[in-house]
Amino acid sequence: MFGVLSLVNLYTQVPSGSGYGFDLSLTATGLVLLPISLGSLTANRTASALVSRFGPYKVLPVGSLVVTADLLMLALWRDHVAVLALGAFLLGAGVGAAYAVMPLLIVRHVPPSETSSATSFNQVLRTVGGSVGSAAVSAVLLAHTPAGGNVPEGSAYTTALLVTAGAAFLGFVVAVVLPPGRRSAAAAVEPAVTRRPARQARTPEVTSGIVRRDPRR
């Protein structure tokens, strides 16, 4: 996600004299990226219906597959601003679907006492992924920038998009291959020791202030 945001952001602002790009301003670039929010909002509502019918284990790989198809489309066809806007929408839809089911999967697979820690760790991994994705895209663009130049070659964006598409497809494969075993809360808690109920002591029967003892004692 962060890699594509960097690519679309840079690609739309490249001067048209470079043979590609649209020479857009920062405001116009923000409008091109705006459909990401719309796609994410749509995916959240759609994912809820899909989870109710198919379960979260099938929705997660679908989100990765949508992102993969979106990146392949942008790698092969990005000659119009409308295509970039469509790519931003599909990116938001795929990522939004994955984000919608991730907390549910975390809750199902960890004990209740570790839910907050697992959710926080997921946020940390998301931040680390953003840093790695942006750094990887920057490295690809720098490797395809001529010496002394400020603008990378057009093929640099194709390579970077294909690399990110491969990463998204790897996420799809992992989501499909990993077994959907569910760790129940009962398995996470130590089994309770079943004790036989202790004998209740017989209490003397009291009637009108007179203590009557059990004749069987």
N, C-alpha and C. Protein backbone atom coordinates (compact mmCIF):
# COMPACT_ATOMS: atom_id res chain seq x y z
N MET A 1 0.83 -1.20 0.00
CA MET A 1 0.00 0.00 0.00
C MET A 1 0.86 1.26 0.00
N PHE A 2 1.84 1.32 0.91
CA PHE A 2 2.67 2.52 1.00
C PHE A 2 3.57 2.66 -0.23
N GLY A 3 3.99 1.53 -0.79
CA GLY A 3 4.79 1.60 -2.01
C GLY A 3 4.00 2.20 -3.16
N VAL A 4 2.75 1.78 -3.31
CA VAL A 4 1.92 2.31 -4.40
C VAL A 4 1.60 3.78 -4.17
N LEU A 5 1.36 4.16 -2.92
CA LEU A 5 1.11 5.57 -2.64
C LEU A 5 2.29 6.43 -3.07
N SER A 6 3.49 5.95 -2.79
CA SER A 6 4.69 6.70 -3.19
C SER A 6 4.80 6.76 -4.71
N LEU A 7 4.53 5.64 -5.38
CA LEU A 7 4.67 5.60 -6.84
C LEU A 7 3.67 6.52 -7.53
N VAL A 8 2.41 6.43 -7.13
CA VAL A 8 1.38 7.27 -7.76
C VAL A 8 1.64 8.75 -7.45
N ASN A 9 2.07 9.02 -6.24
CA ASN A 9 2.35 10.39 -5.85
C ASN A 9 3.47 10.99 -6.71
N LEU A 10 4.53 10.23 -6.93
CA LEU A 10 5.65 10.73 -7.73
C LEU A 10 5.31 10.75 -9.22
N TYR A 11 4.64 9.71 -9.68
CA TYR A 11 4.37 9.59 -11.12
C TYR A 11 3.50 10.73 -11.63
N THR A 12 2.51 11.12 -10.86
CA THR A 12 1.62 12.18 -11.32
C THR A 12 2.29 13.55 -11.35
N GLN A 13 3.37 13.73 -10.59
CA GLN A 13 4.04 15.03 -10.53
C GLN A 13 5.25 15.14 -11.45
N VAL A 14 5.59 14.05 -12.14
CA VAL A 14 6.72 14.09 -13.07
C VAL A 14 6.39 15.03 -14.23
N PRO A 15 7.29 15.94 -14.61
CA PRO A 15 7.02 16.83 -15.76
C PRO A 15 6.73 16.04 -17.02
N SER A 16 5.76 16.49 -17.78
CA SER A 16 5.37 15.78 -19.00
C SER A 16 6.50 15.76 -20.03
N GLY A 17 7.46 16.67 -19.95
CA GLY A 17 8.58 16.68 -20.88
C GLY A 17 9.50 15.49 -20.71
N SER A 18 9.34 14.73 -19.67
CA SER A 18 10.19 13.56 -19.42
C SER A 18 9.75 12.35 -20.23
N GLY A 19 8.66 12.47 -20.97
CA GLY A 19 8.17 11.36 -21.75
C GLY A 19 7.06 10.58 -21.05
N TYR A 20 6.80 10.88 -19.80
CA TYR A 20 5.71 10.26 -19.05
C TYR A 20 5.35 11.22 -17.92
N GLY A 21 4.38 10.85 -17.15
CA GLY A 21 3.96 11.73 -16.06
C GLY A 21 2.93 12.75 -16.52
N PHE A 22 2.36 13.48 -15.56
CA PHE A 22 1.28 14.41 -15.87
C PHE A 22 1.53 15.82 -15.34
N ASP A 23 2.62 16.03 -14.66
CA ASP A 23 3.00 17.36 -14.17
C ASP A 23 1.86 17.99 -13.35
N LEU A 24 1.28 17.21 -12.45
CA LEU A 24 0.19 17.71 -11.63
C LEU A 24 0.72 18.39 -10.38
N SER A 25 -0.11 19.26 -9.82
CA SER A 25 0.25 19.92 -8.57
C SER A 25 -0.03 18.98 -7.40
N LEU A 26 0.38 19.41 -6.21
CA LEU A 26 0.14 18.59 -5.03
C LEU A 26 -1.35 18.41 -4.76
N THR A 27 -2.12 19.47 -5.01
CA THR A 27 -3.56 19.39 -4.79
C THR A 27 -4.21 18.40 -5.75
N ALA A 28 -3.83 18.47 -7.02
CA ALA A 28 -4.38 17.54 -8.01
C ALA A 28 -3.96 16.11 -7.72
N THR A 29 -2.72 15.94 -7.26
CA THR A 29 -2.27 14.60 -6.89
C THR A 29 -3.09 14.04 -5.73
N GLY A 30 -3.41 14.89 -4.76
CA GLY A 30 -4.26 14.45 -3.65
C GLY A 30 -5.63 14.01 -4.13
N LEU A 31 -6.17 14.68 -5.13
CA LEU A 31 -7.48 14.29 -5.67
C LEU A 31 -7.39 12.95 -6.39
N VAL A 32 -6.25 12.67 -7.03
CA VAL A 32 -6.07 11.37 -7.68
C VAL A 32 -6.04 10.24 -6.65
N LEU A 33 -5.45 10.52 -5.49
CA LEU A 33 -5.35 9.52 -4.44
C LEU A 33 -6.61 9.43 -3.58
N LEU A 34 -7.52 10.37 -3.74
CA LEU A 34 -8.73 10.39 -2.92
C LEU A 34 -9.58 9.13 -3.04
N PRO A 35 -9.67 8.49 -4.23
CA PRO A 35 -10.50 7.27 -4.32
C PRO A 35 -10.05 6.14 -3.41
N ILE A 36 -8.84 6.21 -2.85
CA ILE A 36 -8.42 5.17 -1.90
C ILE A 36 -9.39 5.11 -0.72
N SER A 37 -9.78 6.27 -0.23
CA SER A 37 -10.72 6.31 0.90
C SER A 37 -12.07 5.73 0.51
N LEU A 38 -12.54 6.05 -0.69
CA LEU A 38 -13.82 5.52 -1.15
C LEU A 38 -13.75 4.00 -1.32
N GLY A 39 -12.64 3.52 -1.86
CA GLY A 39 -12.49 2.08 -2.02
C GLY A 39 -12.42 1.36 -0.68
N SER A 40 -11.74 1.96 0.28
CA SER A 40 -11.64 1.35 1.61
C SER A 40 -13.00 1.31 2.29
N LEU A 41 -13.77 2.40 2.18
CA LEU A 41 -15.10 2.43 2.77
C LEU A 41 -16.02 1.39 2.15
N THR A 42 -15.94 1.26 0.83
CA THR A 42 -16.76 0.25 0.14
C THR A 42 -16.36 -1.16 0.54
N ALA A 43 -15.05 -1.38 0.67
CA ALA A 43 -14.56 -2.72 1.02
C ALA A 43 -14.97 -3.11 2.44
N ASN A 44 -15.00 -2.16 3.35
CA ASN A 44 -15.39 -2.48 4.72
C ASN A 44 -16.82 -3.01 4.79
N ARG A 45 -17.70 -2.38 4.05
CA ARG A 45 -19.09 -2.83 4.05
C ARG A 45 -19.24 -4.16 3.30
N THR A 46 -18.52 -4.29 2.19
CA THR A 46 -18.60 -5.53 1.43
C THR A 46 -17.98 -6.69 2.20
N ALA A 47 -16.85 -6.42 2.87
CA ALA A 47 -16.17 -7.48 3.62
C ALA A 47 -17.05 -8.01 4.74
N SER A 48 -17.83 -7.15 5.37
CA SER A 48 -18.72 -7.61 6.44
C SER A 48 -19.73 -8.63 5.92
N ALA A 49 -20.28 -8.35 4.73
CA ALA A 49 -21.24 -9.30 4.15
C ALA A 49 -20.56 -10.60 3.73
N LEU A 50 -19.34 -10.49 3.18
CA LEU A 50 -18.62 -11.69 2.74
C LEU A 50 -18.18 -12.55 3.93
N VAL A 51 -17.78 -11.90 5.03
CA VAL A 51 -17.38 -12.66 6.22
C VAL A 51 -18.56 -13.44 6.78
N SER A 52 -19.74 -12.83 6.77
CA SER A 52 -20.92 -13.52 7.28
C SER A 52 -21.27 -14.75 6.45
N ARG A 53 -20.91 -14.72 5.17
CA ARG A 53 -21.28 -15.83 4.29
C ARG A 53 -20.16 -16.84 4.09
N PHE A 54 -18.92 -16.36 3.93
CA PHE A 54 -17.81 -17.26 3.60
C PHE A 54 -16.77 -17.38 4.72
N GLY A 55 -16.78 -16.46 5.68
CA GLY A 55 -15.79 -16.51 6.74
C GLY A 55 -14.59 -15.63 6.42
N PRO A 56 -13.85 -15.20 7.44
CA PRO A 56 -12.74 -14.27 7.22
C PRO A 56 -11.55 -14.90 6.50
N TYR A 57 -11.42 -16.24 6.56
CA TYR A 57 -10.26 -16.89 5.96
C TYR A 57 -10.26 -16.79 4.44
N LYS A 58 -11.43 -16.61 3.84
CA LYS A 58 -11.52 -16.48 2.39
C LYS A 58 -11.51 -15.02 1.95
N VAL A 59 -11.86 -14.12 2.84
CA VAL A 59 -11.87 -12.70 2.48
C VAL A 59 -10.46 -12.13 2.46
N LEU A 60 -9.60 -12.59 3.36
CA LEU A 60 -8.23 -12.07 3.42
C LEU A 60 -7.47 -12.29 2.11
N PRO A 61 -7.42 -13.51 1.55
CA PRO A 61 -6.72 -13.67 0.27
C PRO A 61 -7.38 -12.92 -0.88
N VAL A 62 -8.68 -12.71 -0.82
CA VAL A 62 -9.34 -11.95 -1.88
C VAL A 62 -8.81 -10.51 -1.90
N GLY A 63 -8.61 -9.93 -0.71
CA GLY A 63 -8.05 -8.58 -0.66
C GLY A 63 -6.66 -8.52 -1.27
N SER A 64 -5.82 -9.51 -0.97
CA SER A 64 -4.48 -9.54 -1.56
C SER A 64 -4.53 -9.73 -3.06
N LEU A 65 -5.47 -10.53 -3.53
CA LEU A 65 -5.59 -10.78 -4.97
C LEU A 65 -6.05 -9.52 -5.70
N VAL A 66 -6.94 -8.76 -5.10
CA VAL A 66 -7.39 -7.50 -5.72
C VAL A 66 -6.22 -6.52 -5.84
N VAL A 67 -5.40 -6.43 -4.79
CA VAL A 67 -4.24 -5.55 -4.84
C VAL A 67 -3.26 -6.01 -5.91
N THR A 68 -3.04 -7.31 -6.03
CA THR A 68 -2.13 -7.83 -7.04
C THR A 68 -2.61 -7.47 -8.45
N ALA A 69 -3.89 -7.68 -8.72
CA ALA A 69 -4.43 -7.34 -10.03
C ALA A 69 -4.34 -5.85 -10.30
N ASP A 70 -4.55 -5.05 -9.27
CA ASP A 70 -4.46 -3.59 -9.42
C ASP A 70 -3.04 -3.17 -9.79
N LEU A 71 -2.05 -3.73 -9.13
CA LEU A 71 -0.66 -3.36 -9.40
C LEU A 71 -0.23 -3.81 -10.78
N LEU A 72 -0.68 -4.97 -11.20
CA LEU A 72 -0.36 -5.41 -12.56
C LEU A 72 -0.98 -4.49 -13.60
N MET A 73 -2.20 -4.03 -13.35
CA MET A 73 -2.84 -3.10 -14.27
C MET A 73 -2.06 -1.80 -14.37
N LEU A 74 -1.62 -1.26 -13.22
CA LEU A 74 -0.86 -0.02 -13.24
C LEU A 74 0.52 -0.20 -13.88
N ALA A 75 1.09 -1.39 -13.73
CA ALA A 75 2.40 -1.64 -14.33
C ALA A 75 2.33 -1.66 -15.85
N LEU A 76 1.20 -2.12 -16.39
CA LEU A 76 1.07 -2.26 -17.84
C LEU A 76 0.32 -1.11 -18.50
N TRP A 77 -0.47 -0.39 -17.71
CA TRP A 77 -1.33 0.64 -18.32
C TRP A 77 -1.57 1.76 -17.33
N ARG A 78 -0.93 2.89 -17.58
CA ARG A 78 -1.08 4.06 -16.71
C ARG A 78 -0.90 5.34 -17.52
N ASP A 79 -1.48 5.35 -18.70
CA ASP A 79 -1.31 6.48 -19.61
C ASP A 79 -2.36 7.57 -19.40
N HIS A 80 -3.24 7.41 -18.42
CA HIS A 80 -4.28 8.41 -18.21
C HIS A 80 -4.49 8.57 -16.70
N VAL A 81 -4.86 9.80 -16.34
CA VAL A 81 -5.08 10.07 -14.92
C VAL A 81 -6.24 9.24 -14.37
N ALA A 82 -7.25 8.99 -15.20
CA ALA A 82 -8.39 8.20 -14.75
C ALA A 82 -7.96 6.78 -14.38
N VAL A 83 -6.96 6.25 -15.07
CA VAL A 83 -6.47 4.91 -14.75
C VAL A 83 -5.80 4.92 -13.37
N LEU A 84 -5.05 5.97 -13.07
CA LEU A 84 -4.43 6.07 -11.76
C LEU A 84 -5.48 6.20 -10.66
N ALA A 85 -6.55 6.96 -10.94
CA ALA A 85 -7.63 7.08 -9.96
C ALA A 85 -8.32 5.74 -9.74
N LEU A 86 -8.53 4.99 -10.83
CA LEU A 86 -9.11 3.65 -10.70
C LEU A 86 -8.18 2.73 -9.91
N GLY A 87 -6.88 2.85 -10.17
CA GLY A 87 -5.92 2.05 -9.42
C GLY A 87 -5.94 2.40 -7.94
N ALA A 88 -6.10 3.67 -7.64
CA ALA A 88 -6.19 4.08 -6.23
C ALA A 88 -7.44 3.49 -5.58
N PHE A 89 -8.56 3.47 -6.30
CA PHE A 89 -9.79 2.90 -5.75
C PHE A 89 -9.64 1.40 -5.48
N LEU A 90 -9.06 0.67 -6.44
CA LEU A 90 -8.88 -0.77 -6.25
C LEU A 90 -7.88 -1.05 -5.13
N LEU A 91 -6.88 -0.21 -5.01
CA LEU A 91 -5.93 -0.38 -3.91
C LEU A 91 -6.63 -0.23 -2.57
N GLY A 92 -7.47 0.81 -2.45
CA GLY A 92 -8.22 0.99 -1.21
C GLY A 92 -9.18 -0.15 -0.95
N ALA A 93 -9.77 -0.71 -2.01
CA ALA A 93 -10.70 -1.82 -1.83
C ALA A 93 -9.98 -3.07 -1.34
N GLY A 94 -8.84 -3.39 -1.95
CA GLY A 94 -8.11 -4.59 -1.55
C GLY A 94 -7.54 -4.48 -0.15
N VAL A 95 -6.89 -3.35 0.12
CA VAL A 95 -6.30 -3.16 1.45
C VAL A 95 -7.39 -3.04 2.50
N GLY A 96 -8.48 -2.36 2.18
CA GLY A 96 -9.57 -2.21 3.14
C GLY A 96 -10.20 -3.54 3.50
N ALA A 97 -10.33 -4.44 2.53
CA ALA A 97 -10.90 -5.76 2.82
C ALA A 97 -9.98 -6.55 3.75
N ALA A 98 -8.67 -6.46 3.50
CA ALA A 98 -7.72 -7.18 4.36
C ALA A 98 -7.70 -6.59 5.76
N TYR A 99 -7.72 -5.27 5.85
CA TYR A 99 -7.71 -4.63 7.17
C TYR A 99 -8.99 -4.91 7.94
N ALA A 100 -10.10 -5.10 7.24
CA ALA A 100 -11.37 -5.32 7.92
C ALA A 100 -11.41 -6.67 8.64
N VAL A 101 -10.78 -7.69 8.05
CA VAL A 101 -10.84 -9.03 8.65
C VAL A 101 -9.65 -9.32 9.56
N MET A 102 -8.59 -8.51 9.48
CA MET A 102 -7.40 -8.81 10.28
C MET A 102 -7.68 -8.80 11.79
N PRO A 103 -8.36 -7.80 12.34
CA PRO A 103 -8.65 -7.86 13.79
C PRO A 103 -9.47 -9.09 14.18
N LEU A 104 -10.41 -9.49 13.33
CA LEU A 104 -11.22 -10.67 13.63
C LEU A 104 -10.36 -11.93 13.67
N LEU A 105 -9.42 -12.06 12.75
CA LEU A 105 -8.53 -13.22 12.75
C LEU A 105 -7.63 -13.21 13.97
N ILE A 106 -7.18 -12.03 14.38
CA ILE A 106 -6.32 -11.93 15.55
C ILE A 106 -7.07 -12.39 16.80
N VAL A 107 -8.30 -11.92 16.95
CA VAL A 107 -9.09 -12.29 18.12
C VAL A 107 -9.36 -13.79 18.16
N ARG A 108 -9.53 -14.40 17.00
CA ARG A 108 -9.83 -15.83 16.96
C ARG A 108 -8.62 -16.70 17.25
N HIS A 109 -7.42 -16.17 17.10
CA HIS A 109 -6.23 -17.00 17.19
C HIS A 109 -5.39 -16.74 18.42
N VAL A 110 -5.76 -15.83 19.26
CA VAL A 110 -4.96 -15.56 20.46
C VAL A 110 -5.87 -15.66 21.68
N PRO A 111 -5.29 -15.97 22.83
CA PRO A 111 -6.10 -15.99 24.06
C PRO A 111 -6.63 -14.61 24.37
N PRO A 112 -7.73 -14.53 25.09
CA PRO A 112 -8.31 -13.22 25.41
C PRO A 112 -7.34 -12.30 26.15
N SER A 113 -6.45 -12.88 26.95
CA SER A 113 -5.51 -12.05 27.70
C SER A 113 -4.44 -11.41 26.84
N GLU A 114 -4.28 -11.88 25.59
CA GLU A 114 -3.24 -11.36 24.71
C GLU A 114 -3.80 -10.61 23.51
N THR A 115 -5.08 -10.33 23.50
CA THR A 115 -5.71 -9.67 22.35
C THR A 115 -5.12 -8.28 22.12
N SER A 116 -4.98 -7.49 23.18
CA SER A 116 -4.47 -6.13 23.02
C SER A 116 -3.03 -6.14 22.53
N SER A 117 -2.22 -7.06 23.04
CA SER A 117 -0.82 -7.14 22.60
C SER A 117 -0.72 -7.54 21.13
N ALA A 118 -1.53 -8.51 20.72
CA ALA A 118 -1.50 -8.96 19.33
C ALA A 118 -1.98 -7.87 18.38
N THR A 119 -3.01 -7.14 18.78
CA THR A 119 -3.50 -6.04 17.94
C THR A 119 -2.47 -4.93 17.82
N SER A 120 -1.80 -4.61 18.92
CA SER A 120 -0.75 -3.59 18.89
C SER A 120 0.41 -4.04 18.02
N PHE A 121 0.75 -5.32 18.10
CA PHE A 121 1.84 -5.84 17.27
C PHE A 121 1.47 -5.76 15.79
N ASN A 122 0.21 -5.97 15.47
CA ASN A 122 -0.23 -5.81 14.09
C ASN A 122 -0.05 -4.37 13.61
N GLN A 123 -0.32 -3.41 14.48
CA GLN A 123 -0.09 -2.01 14.12
C GLN A 123 1.39 -1.72 13.89
N VAL A 124 2.25 -2.33 14.72
CA VAL A 124 3.69 -2.15 14.55
C VAL A 124 4.14 -2.71 13.21
N LEU A 125 3.66 -3.91 12.87
CA LEU A 125 4.02 -4.50 11.59
C LEU A 125 3.53 -3.65 10.42
N ARG A 126 2.39 -3.03 10.57
CA ARG A 126 1.88 -2.16 9.51
C ARG A 126 2.81 -0.96 9.30
N THR A 127 3.30 -0.40 10.40
CA THR A 127 4.22 0.73 10.29
C THR A 127 5.54 0.29 9.68
N VAL A 128 6.05 -0.86 10.11
CA VAL A 128 7.29 -1.38 9.53
C VAL A 128 7.12 -1.67 8.04
N GLY A 129 5.97 -2.23 7.67
CA GLY A 129 5.71 -2.48 6.27
C GLY A 129 5.68 -1.22 5.44
N GLY A 130 5.14 -0.15 6.01
CA GLY A 130 5.15 1.12 5.29
C GLY A 130 6.56 1.63 5.05
N SER A 131 7.41 1.49 6.05
CA SER A 131 8.80 1.94 5.90
C SER A 131 9.54 1.09 4.87
N VAL A 132 9.35 -0.23 4.95
CA VAL A 132 10.03 -1.12 4.00
C VAL A 132 9.53 -0.89 2.58
N GLY A 133 8.21 -0.74 2.41
CA GLY A 133 7.66 -0.52 1.08
C GLY A 133 8.15 0.76 0.45
N SER A 134 8.16 1.85 1.22
CA SER A 134 8.64 3.13 0.69
C SER A 134 10.12 3.06 0.35
N ALA A 135 10.91 2.40 1.22
CA ALA A 135 12.35 2.29 0.96
C ALA A 135 12.63 1.42 -0.27
N ALA A 136 11.87 0.34 -0.45
CA ALA A 136 12.08 -0.53 -1.60
C ALA A 136 11.75 0.20 -2.90
N VAL A 137 10.66 0.95 -2.90
CA VAL A 137 10.28 1.70 -4.09
C VAL A 137 11.33 2.77 -4.40
N SER A 138 11.81 3.45 -3.39
CA SER A 138 12.84 4.47 -3.60
C SER A 138 14.12 3.85 -4.16
N ALA A 139 14.48 2.66 -3.68
CA ALA A 139 15.69 1.99 -4.18
C ALA A 139 15.55 1.62 -5.66
N VAL A 140 14.37 1.15 -6.05
CA VAL A 140 14.15 0.79 -7.46
C VAL A 140 14.21 2.03 -8.35
N LEU A 141 13.58 3.10 -7.91
CA LEU A 141 13.59 4.33 -8.71
C LEU A 141 15.00 4.90 -8.82
N LEU A 142 15.75 4.85 -7.74
CA LEU A 142 17.11 5.37 -7.76
C LEU A 142 18.01 4.55 -8.68
N ALA A 143 17.78 3.24 -8.70
CA ALA A 143 18.60 2.38 -9.56
C ALA A 143 18.34 2.64 -11.03
N HIS A 144 17.18 3.19 -11.38
CA HIS A 144 16.84 3.47 -12.78
C HIS A 144 16.92 4.97 -13.10
N THR A 145 17.59 5.73 -12.27
CA THR A 145 17.78 7.15 -12.53
C THR A 145 19.14 7.37 -13.16
N PRO A 146 19.22 8.02 -14.31
CA PRO A 146 20.51 8.26 -14.95
C PRO A 146 21.43 9.09 -14.05
N ALA A 147 22.72 8.90 -14.22
CA ALA A 147 23.70 9.63 -13.42
C ALA A 147 23.56 11.12 -13.67
N GLY A 148 23.44 11.88 -12.60
CA GLY A 148 23.28 13.32 -12.71
C GLY A 148 21.87 13.76 -13.01
N GLY A 149 20.94 12.83 -13.16
CA GLY A 149 19.55 13.19 -13.46
C GLY A 149 18.70 13.24 -12.20
N ASN A 150 17.56 13.88 -12.33
CA ASN A 150 16.64 14.01 -11.21
C ASN A 150 15.36 13.20 -11.38
N VAL A 151 15.12 12.72 -12.60
CA VAL A 151 13.89 11.99 -12.90
C VAL A 151 14.25 10.58 -13.34
N PRO A 152 13.69 9.56 -12.72
CA PRO A 152 13.99 8.18 -13.14
C PRO A 152 13.36 7.87 -14.49
N GLU A 153 13.83 6.81 -15.10
CA GLU A 153 13.26 6.37 -16.37
C GLU A 153 11.84 5.83 -16.17
N GLY A 154 11.08 5.84 -17.25
CA GLY A 154 9.71 5.35 -17.15
C GLY A 154 9.63 3.89 -16.77
N SER A 155 10.65 3.11 -17.18
CA SER A 155 10.65 1.69 -16.83
C SER A 155 10.83 1.46 -15.34
N ALA A 156 11.33 2.46 -14.63
CA ALA A 156 11.51 2.30 -13.18
C ALA A 156 10.18 2.08 -12.49
N TYR A 157 9.15 2.79 -12.92
CA TYR A 157 7.83 2.62 -12.29
C TYR A 157 7.24 1.26 -12.63
N THR A 158 7.49 0.79 -13.85
CA THR A 158 7.01 -0.54 -14.22
C THR A 158 7.66 -1.60 -13.34
N THR A 159 8.97 -1.49 -13.14
CA THR A 159 9.68 -2.46 -12.30
C THR A 159 9.19 -2.40 -10.86
N ALA A 160 9.04 -1.18 -10.34
CA ALA A 160 8.61 -1.03 -8.95
C ALA A 160 7.20 -1.59 -8.75
N LEU A 161 6.32 -1.37 -9.70
CA LEU A 161 4.96 -1.88 -9.59
C LEU A 161 4.93 -3.41 -9.67
N LEU A 162 5.78 -3.97 -10.52
CA LEU A 162 5.84 -5.43 -10.61
C LEU A 162 6.40 -6.03 -9.32
N VAL A 163 7.37 -5.35 -8.70
CA VAL A 163 7.92 -5.84 -7.44
C VAL A 163 6.85 -5.82 -6.35
N THR A 164 6.11 -4.73 -6.26
CA THR A 164 5.05 -4.65 -5.25
C THR A 164 3.92 -5.64 -5.55
N ALA A 165 3.65 -5.88 -6.85
CA ALA A 165 2.65 -6.89 -7.20
C ALA A 165 3.10 -8.27 -6.76
N GLY A 166 4.40 -8.56 -6.90
CA GLY A 166 4.91 -9.84 -6.41
C GLY A 166 4.76 -9.99 -4.91
N ALA A 167 4.99 -8.89 -4.18
CA ALA A 167 4.83 -8.94 -2.72
C ALA A 167 3.37 -9.17 -2.35
N ALA A 168 2.45 -8.51 -3.06
CA ALA A 168 1.02 -8.71 -2.79
C ALA A 168 0.59 -10.13 -3.12
N PHE A 169 1.12 -10.68 -4.20
CA PHE A 169 0.77 -12.06 -4.56
C PHE A 169 1.34 -13.05 -3.54
N LEU A 170 2.50 -12.75 -3.00
CA LEU A 170 3.06 -13.59 -1.93
C LEU A 170 2.14 -13.59 -0.72
N GLY A 171 1.57 -12.42 -0.40
CA GLY A 171 0.59 -12.37 0.68
C GLY A 171 -0.64 -13.21 0.38
N PHE A 172 -1.06 -13.22 -0.87
CA PHE A 172 -2.20 -14.06 -1.27
C PHE A 172 -1.88 -15.54 -1.08
N VAL A 173 -0.69 -15.95 -1.48
CA VAL A 173 -0.29 -17.36 -1.35
C VAL A 173 -0.23 -17.76 0.12
N VAL A 174 0.35 -16.90 0.95
CA VAL A 174 0.46 -17.21 2.37
C VAL A 174 -0.93 -17.33 3.00
N ALA A 175 -1.83 -16.44 2.63
CA ALA A 175 -3.19 -16.48 3.19
C ALA A 175 -3.94 -17.73 2.78
N VAL A 176 -3.61 -18.27 1.60
CA VAL A 176 -4.29 -19.49 1.14
C VAL A 176 -3.66 -20.73 1.74
N VAL A 177 -2.32 -20.75 1.84
CA VAL A 177 -1.62 -21.95 2.27
C VAL A 177 -1.75 -22.19 3.76
N LEU A 178 -1.69 -21.11 4.56
CA LEU A 178 -1.73 -21.30 6.01
C LEU A 178 -3.04 -21.94 6.42
N PRO A 179 -3.00 -22.95 7.30
CA PRO A 179 -4.24 -23.62 7.71
C PRO A 179 -5.09 -22.69 8.56
N PRO A 180 -6.38 -22.71 8.36
CA PRO A 180 -7.28 -21.83 9.13
C PRO A 180 -7.66 -22.43 10.47
N GLY A 181 -6.70 -23.00 11.19
CA GLY A 181 -7.02 -23.57 12.48
C GLY A 181 -7.37 -22.49 13.47
N ARG A 182 -8.36 -22.75 14.24
CA ARG A 182 -8.82 -21.77 15.23
C ARG A 182 -8.47 -22.26 16.61
N ARG A 183 -7.80 -21.41 17.35
CA ARG A 183 -7.45 -21.76 18.73
C ARG A 183 -8.57 -21.29 19.63
N SER A 184 -9.22 -22.23 20.21
CA SER A 184 -10.35 -21.88 21.06
C SER A 184 -9.87 -21.32 22.37
N ALA A 185 -10.73 -20.55 22.99
CA ALA A 185 -10.37 -19.95 24.27
C ALA A 185 -10.18 -21.01 25.34
N ALA A 186 -10.92 -22.13 25.22
CA ALA A 186 -10.78 -23.18 26.22
C ALA A 186 -9.42 -23.84 26.16
N ALA A 187 -8.84 -23.94 24.93
CA ALA A 187 -7.53 -24.55 24.79
C ALA A 187 -6.43 -23.65 25.31
N ALA A 188 -6.69 -22.34 25.29
CA ALA A 188 -5.67 -21.40 25.73
C ALA A 188 -5.59 -21.30 27.24
N VAL A 189 -6.63 -21.72 27.91
CA VAL A 189 -6.67 -21.64 29.37
C VAL A 189 -6.37 -23.01 29.95
N GLU A 190 -5.62 -23.06 31.03
CA GLU A 190 -5.30 -24.32 31.65
C GLU A 190 -6.59 -25.00 32.11
N PRO A 191 -6.68 -26.30 31.88
CA PRO A 191 -7.91 -27.00 32.29
C PRO A 191 -8.11 -26.93 33.80
N ALA A 192 -9.32 -26.66 34.17
CA ALA A 192 -9.62 -26.54 35.59
C ALA A 192 -9.66 -27.93 36.23
N VAL A 193 -9.20 -28.03 37.47
CA VAL A 193 -9.19 -29.29 38.20
C VAL A 193 -10.58 -29.52 38.77
N THR A 194 -11.16 -30.63 38.41
CA THR A 194 -12.50 -30.95 38.89
C THR A 194 -12.40 -31.65 40.23
N ARG A 195 -12.98 -31.08 41.21
CA ARG A 195 -12.95 -31.65 42.54
C ARG A 195 -14.34 -32.19 42.90
N ARG A 196 -14.33 -33.26 43.65
CA ARG A 196 -15.61 -33.77 44.14
C ARG A 196 -16.13 -32.84 45.22
N PRO A 197 -17.41 -32.56 45.21
CA PRO A 197 -17.95 -31.64 46.21
C PRO A 197 -17.73 -32.18 47.62
N ALA A 198 -17.23 -31.31 48.48
CA ALA A 198 -16.97 -31.72 49.87
C ALA A 198 -18.29 -32.03 50.58
N ARG A 199 -18.17 -32.98 51.53
CA ARG A 199 -19.36 -33.33 52.30
C ARG A 199 -19.82 -32.13 53.12
N GLN A 200 -21.06 -31.88 53.03
CA GLN A 200 -21.60 -30.80 53.83
C GLN A 200 -21.83 -31.28 55.25
N ALA A 201 -21.34 -30.52 56.19
CA ALA A 201 -21.53 -30.90 57.60
C ALA A 201 -22.98 -30.78 57.97
N ARG A 202 -23.43 -31.78 58.67
CA ARG A 202 -24.82 -31.74 59.09
C ARG A 202 -24.96 -30.76 60.24
N THR A 203 -25.86 -29.86 60.10
CA THR A 203 -26.09 -28.88 61.15
C THR A 203 -27.25 -29.35 62.03
N PRO A 204 -27.14 -29.13 63.27
CA PRO A 204 -28.24 -29.56 64.15
C PRO A 204 -29.52 -28.80 63.84
N GLU A 205 -30.61 -29.50 63.91
CA GLU A 205 -31.91 -28.90 63.63
C GLU A 205 -32.41 -28.18 64.87
N VAL A 206 -32.75 -26.95 64.68
CA VAL A 206 -33.19 -26.12 65.80
C VAL A 206 -34.67 -25.85 65.66
N THR A 207 -35.44 -26.18 66.65
CA THR A 207 -36.88 -25.91 66.64
C THR A 207 -37.27 -25.35 67.98
N SER A 208 -37.80 -24.15 67.94
CA SER A 208 -38.30 -23.46 69.14
C SER A 208 -37.24 -23.42 70.23
N GLY A 209 -36.03 -23.16 69.82
CA GLY A 209 -34.96 -23.00 70.80
C GLY A 209 -34.42 -24.30 71.31
N ILE A 210 -35.01 -25.48 70.92
CA ILE A 210 -34.55 -26.77 71.39
C ILE A 210 -33.71 -27.41 70.29
N VAL A 211 -32.53 -27.80 70.65
CA VAL A 211 -31.63 -28.43 69.68
C VAL A 211 -31.94 -29.89 69.61
N ARG A 212 -32.31 -30.38 68.45
CA ARG A 212 -32.58 -31.80 68.23
C ARG A 212 -31.42 -32.40 67.46
N ARG A 213 -30.83 -33.39 68.00
CA ARG A 213 -29.71 -34.02 67.37
C ARG A 213 -30.18 -35.23 66.56
N ASP A 214 -29.42 -35.47 65.54
CA ASP A 214 -29.75 -36.60 64.65
C ASP A 214 -29.51 -37.90 65.40
N PRO A 215 -30.50 -38.72 65.55
CA PRO A 215 -30.34 -39.98 66.28
C PRO A 215 -29.36 -40.92 65.60
N ARG A 216 -29.06 -40.69 64.30
CA ARG A 216 -28.13 -41.59 63.63
C ARG A 216 -26.69 -41.33 63.99
N ARG A 217 -26.41 -40.17 64.66
CA ARG A 217 -25.03 -39.88 65.06
C ARG A 217 -24.66 -40.70 66.28
